[in-house]
Amino acid sequence: MELWLLNHLSTFALGVVVVGGIVVLAVLGSALTRRYHPATAEGGHNEMVGVVLSMFGAIYGVILAFVIVNLWTQLQSAESVIATEATAAAQIVRDAQAFPPGPRTEVQAAVGSYVHAVVEQQWPLMRDGSGDYGRTAPKLEAVYHALRGYEPTTETEQTFYEQAVTNLDQVVAQRRARITQSHQQLPVLLQVLVFGGAVVILPLTFLYGIRSRRIQLLFVGSVAALIGFSLLLVVVLDRPFSGELSVSPQPFKDGSLAVFWTDPQTVATGP
């Protein structure tokens, strides 16, 4: 359900659903509490409710801050992984410039085929949280095959050949990290703490008595909006490859890799 919402709704629309929905439910709950338990408006239990709210709010705030910072770091890590993988692939293309025409064309075509497979085949699966190693495995093996089939004959070719092999190993390592990150999500226990905490705190605000109905609804709505926005951040950041704010595959289309998207003849189908 979370992935469907992220991939089918804009961030604004998702914000309206999450934040707006929580605010509406909180205000409705406060109004019903005030109607069926009018004594709460007198504030007879405000001292006790205030202490409980302060204690729970502090604990919940720390948990939310920890989760949001962790998810933001995870998103930045995913962006770094993508940039590193794309850079390593681009370096192979540059290194191959030192090879003779035949091997150069084969290596670059294999890299181009891999890049297209990442963006066109693997990325949609990653958006759905089901990144598959097999989608790009044959294309990656084609790059290895192209390098294994070439024997450098000069010192310059040998130097660039070694760099190309090193960069290919980097591509493999970052590819594994990228696909692994596409499966990650907030652990169940943290999900229970984050979403369950909201379920505990919001009803407590209904019990904090304020004589003015308008002021009480404003108080409850403000707390609900803050919690709703925090939960929205958790939902949006939890999946780094899904949603409008997800990591973009653009690095695989920039720099030396741009040629594979402007000239289809440079891309081979691979073995």
Protein backbone atom coordinates (compact mmCIF):
# COMPACT_ATOMS: atom_id res chain seq x y z
CA MET A 1 0.00 0.00 0.00
CA GLU A 2 2.83 2.39 0.93
CA LEU A 3 4.64 1.77 -2.37
CA TRP A 4 1.44 2.24 -4.37
CA LEU A 5 0.76 5.59 -2.72
CA LEU A 6 4.35 6.76 -3.26
CA ASN A 7 4.39 5.76 -6.94
CA HIS A 8 0.91 6.98 -7.86
CA LEU A 9 0.52 10.20 -5.86
CA SER A 10 2.58 13.36 -5.95
CA THR A 11 4.24 14.49 -2.74
CA PHE A 12 1.66 17.27 -2.42
CA ALA A 13 -1.25 14.87 -2.88
CA LEU A 14 0.29 12.43 -0.44
CA GLY A 15 0.72 15.27 2.04
CA VAL A 16 -2.96 16.19 1.69
CA VAL A 17 -3.94 12.56 2.32
CA VAL A 18 -1.60 11.94 5.27
CA VAL A 19 -1.47 15.32 7.02
CA GLY A 20 -5.01 16.35 6.11
CA GLY A 21 -6.42 12.98 7.09
CA ILE A 22 -4.71 12.99 10.49
CA VAL A 23 -5.82 16.56 11.21
CA VAL A 24 -9.43 15.83 10.26
CA LEU A 25 -9.52 12.67 12.40
CA ALA A 26 -7.93 14.48 15.35
CA VAL A 27 -10.31 17.43 15.19
CA LEU A 28 -13.30 15.10 14.80
CA GLY A 29 -12.12 13.01 17.75
CA SER A 30 -11.67 16.10 19.90
CA ALA A 31 -15.12 17.40 18.98
CA LEU A 32 -16.75 14.05 19.80
CA THR A 33 -14.88 13.81 23.10
CA ARG A 34 -16.03 17.30 24.05
CA ARG A 35 -19.61 16.48 23.08
CA TYR A 36 -19.97 13.16 24.90
CA HIS A 37 -17.69 14.05 27.83
CA PRO A 38 -18.26 17.78 28.36
CA ALA A 39 -16.56 17.65 31.75
CA THR A 40 -13.17 17.39 30.03
CA ALA A 41 -13.55 21.00 28.84
CA GLU A 42 -13.33 22.19 32.44
CA GLY A 43 -9.69 21.12 32.60
CA GLY A 44 -10.02 19.19 35.85
CA HIS A 45 -7.37 16.70 34.74
CA ASN A 46 -5.09 19.12 32.90
CA GLU A 47 -2.26 18.80 35.38
CA MET A 48 -2.06 15.02 34.99
CA VAL A 49 -2.71 15.09 31.24
CA GLY A 50 -0.08 17.81 30.80
CA VAL A 51 2.58 15.74 32.56
CA VAL A 52 1.76 12.64 30.53
CA LEU A 53 1.71 14.63 27.28
CA SER A 54 5.06 16.23 28.07
CA MET A 55 6.67 12.89 28.90
CA PHE A 56 5.23 11.00 25.94
CA GLY A 57 5.84 13.94 23.61
CA ALA A 58 9.52 14.12 24.55
CA ILE A 59 10.05 10.39 24.03
CA TYR A 60 8.08 10.38 20.78
CA GLY A 61 9.95 13.44 19.52
CA VAL A 62 13.31 11.75 20.08
CA ILE A 63 12.13 8.62 18.27
CA LEU A 64 10.79 10.63 15.33
CA ALA A 65 13.98 12.68 15.08
CA PHE A 66 16.11 9.53 15.13
CA VAL A 67 14.01 7.84 12.46
CA ILE A 68 13.84 10.86 10.14
CA VAL A 69 17.57 11.59 10.37
CA ASN A 70 18.35 7.92 9.76
CA LEU A 71 16.06 7.78 6.71
CA TRP A 72 17.51 11.02 5.34
CA THR A 73 21.02 9.57 5.71
CA GLN A 74 19.82 6.44 3.91
CA LEU A 75 18.52 8.54 1.02
CA GLN A 76 21.84 10.40 0.74
CA SER A 77 23.68 7.08 0.85
CA ALA A 78 21.56 5.77 -2.02
CA GLU A 79 22.33 8.89 -4.07
CA SER A 80 26.04 8.39 -3.38
CA VAL A 81 25.86 4.74 -4.45
CA ILE A 82 24.14 5.66 -7.73
CA ALA A 83 26.66 8.42 -8.46
CA THR A 84 29.60 6.11 -7.72
CA GLU A 85 28.25 3.31 -9.91
CA ALA A 86 27.50 5.66 -12.81
CA THR A 87 30.91 7.31 -12.47
CA ALA A 88 32.68 3.94 -12.53
CA ALA A 89 30.74 2.94 -15.67
CA ALA A 90 31.65 6.26 -17.31
CA GLN A 91 35.30 5.68 -16.41
CA ILE A 92 35.24 2.35 -18.24
CA VAL A 93 34.01 4.16 -21.33
CA ARG A 94 36.87 6.66 -21.03
CA ASP A 95 39.46 3.95 -20.32
CA ALA A 96 38.35 2.06 -23.42
CA GLN A 97 39.35 5.05 -25.55
CA ALA A 98 42.94 3.78 -25.28
CA PHE A 99 42.02 0.40 -26.81
CA PRO A 100 42.13 -0.48 -30.53
CA PRO A 101 38.86 0.14 -32.47
CA GLY A 102 37.53 -3.42 -32.24
CA PRO A 103 37.91 -4.00 -28.48
CA ARG A 104 36.98 -0.37 -27.77
CA THR A 105 33.68 -0.71 -29.61
CA GLU A 106 32.87 -4.01 -27.92
CA VAL A 107 33.58 -2.71 -24.41
CA GLN A 108 31.68 0.53 -24.89
CA ALA A 109 28.71 -1.25 -26.46
CA ALA A 110 28.59 -3.67 -23.52
CA VAL A 111 28.64 -0.77 -21.05
CA GLY A 112 25.89 0.98 -22.99
CA SER A 113 23.75 -2.14 -22.92
CA TYR A 114 24.28 -2.42 -19.16
CA VAL A 115 23.35 1.22 -18.56
CA HIS A 116 20.12 0.83 -20.54
CA ALA A 117 19.25 -2.33 -18.61
CA VAL A 118 19.75 -0.51 -15.30
CA VAL A 119 17.51 2.42 -16.21
CA GLU A 120 14.87 0.69 -18.32
CA GLN A 121 14.56 -2.74 -16.71
CA GLN A 122 15.95 -2.66 -13.19
CA TRP A 123 14.82 0.79 -12.08
CA PRO A 124 11.06 0.12 -12.41
CA LEU A 125 11.50 -2.97 -10.25
CA MET A 126 13.43 -0.96 -7.67
CA ARG A 127 10.59 1.58 -7.54
CA ASP A 128 8.32 -1.32 -6.57
CA GLY A 129 10.78 -2.49 -3.92
CA SER A 130 11.73 -5.64 -5.81
CA GLY A 131 15.10 -4.98 -7.41
CA ASP A 132 16.31 -8.08 -9.25
CA TYR A 133 19.99 -8.94 -9.74
CA GLY A 134 19.16 -11.07 -12.75
CA ARG A 135 17.93 -8.11 -14.81
CA THR A 136 21.43 -6.75 -15.33
CA ALA A 137 23.56 -9.86 -14.70
CA PRO A 138 23.90 -10.85 -18.41
CA LYS A 139 24.75 -7.26 -19.38
CA LEU A 140 27.39 -7.04 -16.67
CA GLU A 141 28.85 -10.35 -17.73
CA ALA A 142 29.07 -8.99 -21.28
CA VAL A 143 31.36 -6.20 -20.04
CA TYR A 144 33.58 -8.76 -18.31
CA HIS A 145 33.58 -10.86 -21.48
CA ALA A 146 34.64 -7.89 -23.60
CA LEU A 147 37.53 -7.08 -21.26
CA ARG A 148 38.63 -10.70 -20.91
CA GLY A 149 38.74 -11.04 -24.68
CA TYR A 150 41.19 -8.16 -25.08
CA GLU A 151 44.96 -8.48 -24.53
CA PRO A 152 46.79 -5.13 -24.16
CA THR A 153 49.90 -4.82 -26.30
CA THR A 154 51.42 -1.54 -25.13
CA GLU A 155 52.17 -0.09 -21.72
CA THR A 156 49.53 2.61 -22.20
CA GLU A 157 46.88 0.07 -23.12
CA GLN A 158 47.87 -2.06 -20.13
CA THR A 159 47.50 0.89 -17.74
CA PHE A 160 44.05 1.83 -18.99
CA TYR A 161 43.03 -1.84 -19.12
CA GLU A 162 43.84 -2.27 -15.43
CA GLN A 163 41.88 0.88 -14.61
CA ALA A 164 38.91 -0.40 -16.62
CA VAL A 165 38.93 -3.69 -14.70
CA THR A 166 39.15 -1.83 -11.39
CA ASN A 167 36.22 0.41 -12.37
CA LEU A 168 34.19 -2.61 -13.44
CA ASP A 169 34.72 -4.17 -10.01
CA GLN A 170 33.46 -0.89 -8.54
CA VAL A 171 30.35 -1.08 -10.72
CA VAL A 172 29.66 -4.58 -9.42
CA ALA A 173 30.07 -3.53 -5.78
CA GLN A 174 27.82 -0.47 -6.10
CA ARG A 175 25.24 -2.42 -8.08
CA ARG A 176 24.90 -4.86 -5.19
CA ALA A 177 24.60 -1.98 -2.71
CA ARG A 178 21.97 -0.27 -4.90
CA ILE A 179 19.77 -3.35 -5.24
CA THR A 180 20.11 -4.15 -1.54
CA GLN A 181 18.97 -0.62 -0.65
CA SER A 182 15.92 -0.98 -2.89
CA HIS A 183 14.65 -3.75 -0.59
CA GLN A 184 15.29 -1.90 2.67
CA GLN A 185 12.55 -0.32 4.73
CA LEU A 186 11.97 0.78 8.30
CA PRO A 187 12.04 -2.23 10.69
CA VAL A 188 8.67 -3.36 11.96
CA LEU A 189 9.41 -2.41 15.58
CA LEU A 190 10.30 1.15 14.56
CA GLN A 191 7.16 1.34 12.44
CA VAL A 192 5.13 0.32 15.49
CA LEU A 193 6.85 3.00 17.59
CA VAL A 194 6.42 5.73 14.98
CA PHE A 195 2.83 5.10 13.97
CA GLY A 196 1.70 3.65 17.28
CA GLY A 197 3.10 6.65 19.12
CA ALA A 198 0.85 8.94 17.09
CA VAL A 199 -2.15 6.79 18.01
CA VAL A 200 -1.27 7.19 21.70
CA ILE A 201 -0.43 10.91 21.77
CA LEU A 202 -3.26 12.34 19.69
CA PRO A 203 -6.10 10.98 21.88
CA LEU A 204 -4.31 12.43 24.91
CA THR A 205 -4.70 15.90 23.42
CA PHE A 206 -8.48 15.35 23.42
CA LEU A 207 -8.38 15.14 27.23
CA TYR A 208 -6.59 18.44 27.73
CA GLY A 209 -9.46 20.71 28.68
CA ILE A 210 -9.81 24.22 27.24
CA ARG A 211 -13.02 26.17 27.79
CA SER A 212 -13.03 27.65 24.29
CA ARG A 213 -14.04 25.05 21.72
CA ARG A 214 -12.27 26.96 18.96
CA ILE A 215 -9.00 27.18 20.89
CA GLN A 216 -9.11 23.50 21.79
CA LEU A 217 -9.71 22.43 18.20
CA LEU A 218 -6.88 24.72 17.10
CA PHE A 219 -4.59 23.14 19.71
CA VAL A 220 -5.49 19.59 18.72
CA GLY A 221 -5.26 20.39 14.99
CA SER A 222 -1.82 21.97 15.39
CA VAL A 223 -0.43 18.95 17.21
CA ALA A 224 -2.01 16.63 14.65
CA ALA A 225 -0.54 18.63 11.75
CA LEU A 226 2.94 18.46 13.27
CA ILE A 227 2.69 14.73 13.82
CA GLY A 228 1.15 14.22 10.38
CA PHE A 229 3.94 16.09 8.65
CA SER A 230 6.52 14.04 10.56
CA LEU A 231 4.81 10.82 9.50
CA LEU A 232 4.71 12.10 5.92
CA LEU A 233 8.49 12.52 6.03
CA VAL A 234 8.86 8.97 7.33
CA VAL A 235 6.69 7.57 4.53
CA VAL A 236 8.43 9.59 1.79
CA LEU A 237 11.99 8.90 2.95
CA ASP A 238 11.48 5.24 3.84
CA ARG A 239 11.79 4.10 0.20
CA PRO A 240 14.75 5.86 -1.51
CA PHE A 241 13.81 4.58 -4.99
CA SER A 242 10.05 5.15 -4.82
CA GLY A 243 7.96 8.29 -5.00
CA GLU A 244 8.44 11.79 -6.30
CA LEU A 245 11.44 12.49 -4.06
CA SER A 246 13.20 9.23 -4.95
CA VAL A 247 16.77 8.86 -6.19
CA SER A 248 16.97 9.59 -9.92
CA PRO A 249 18.73 7.40 -12.53
CA GLN A 250 19.93 10.60 -14.24
CA PRO A 251 23.63 9.93 -13.43
CA PHE A 252 23.43 6.98 -15.84
CA LYS A 253 22.50 9.42 -18.60
CA ASP A 254 25.05 12.15 -17.98
CA GLY A 255 28.70 12.70 -18.88
CA SER A 256 30.38 9.99 -20.92
CA LEU A 257 27.25 7.84 -20.65
CA ALA A 258 25.09 10.40 -22.45
CA VAL A 259 26.20 9.03 -25.82
CA PHE A 260 24.27 5.82 -25.15
CA TRP A 261 21.04 7.82 -25.01
CA THR A 262 21.64 10.03 -28.03
CA ASP A 263 23.09 7.49 -30.45
CA PRO A 264 21.31 4.11 -30.35
CA GLN A 265 24.00 2.58 -32.60
CA THR A 266 26.47 2.73 -29.73
CA VAL A 267 24.39 0.25 -27.70
CA ALA A 268 24.68 -3.45 -28.41
CA THR A 269 22.27 -6.10 -27.25
CA GLY A 270 25.02 -8.08 -25.53
CA PRO A 271 25.47 -11.86 -25.47
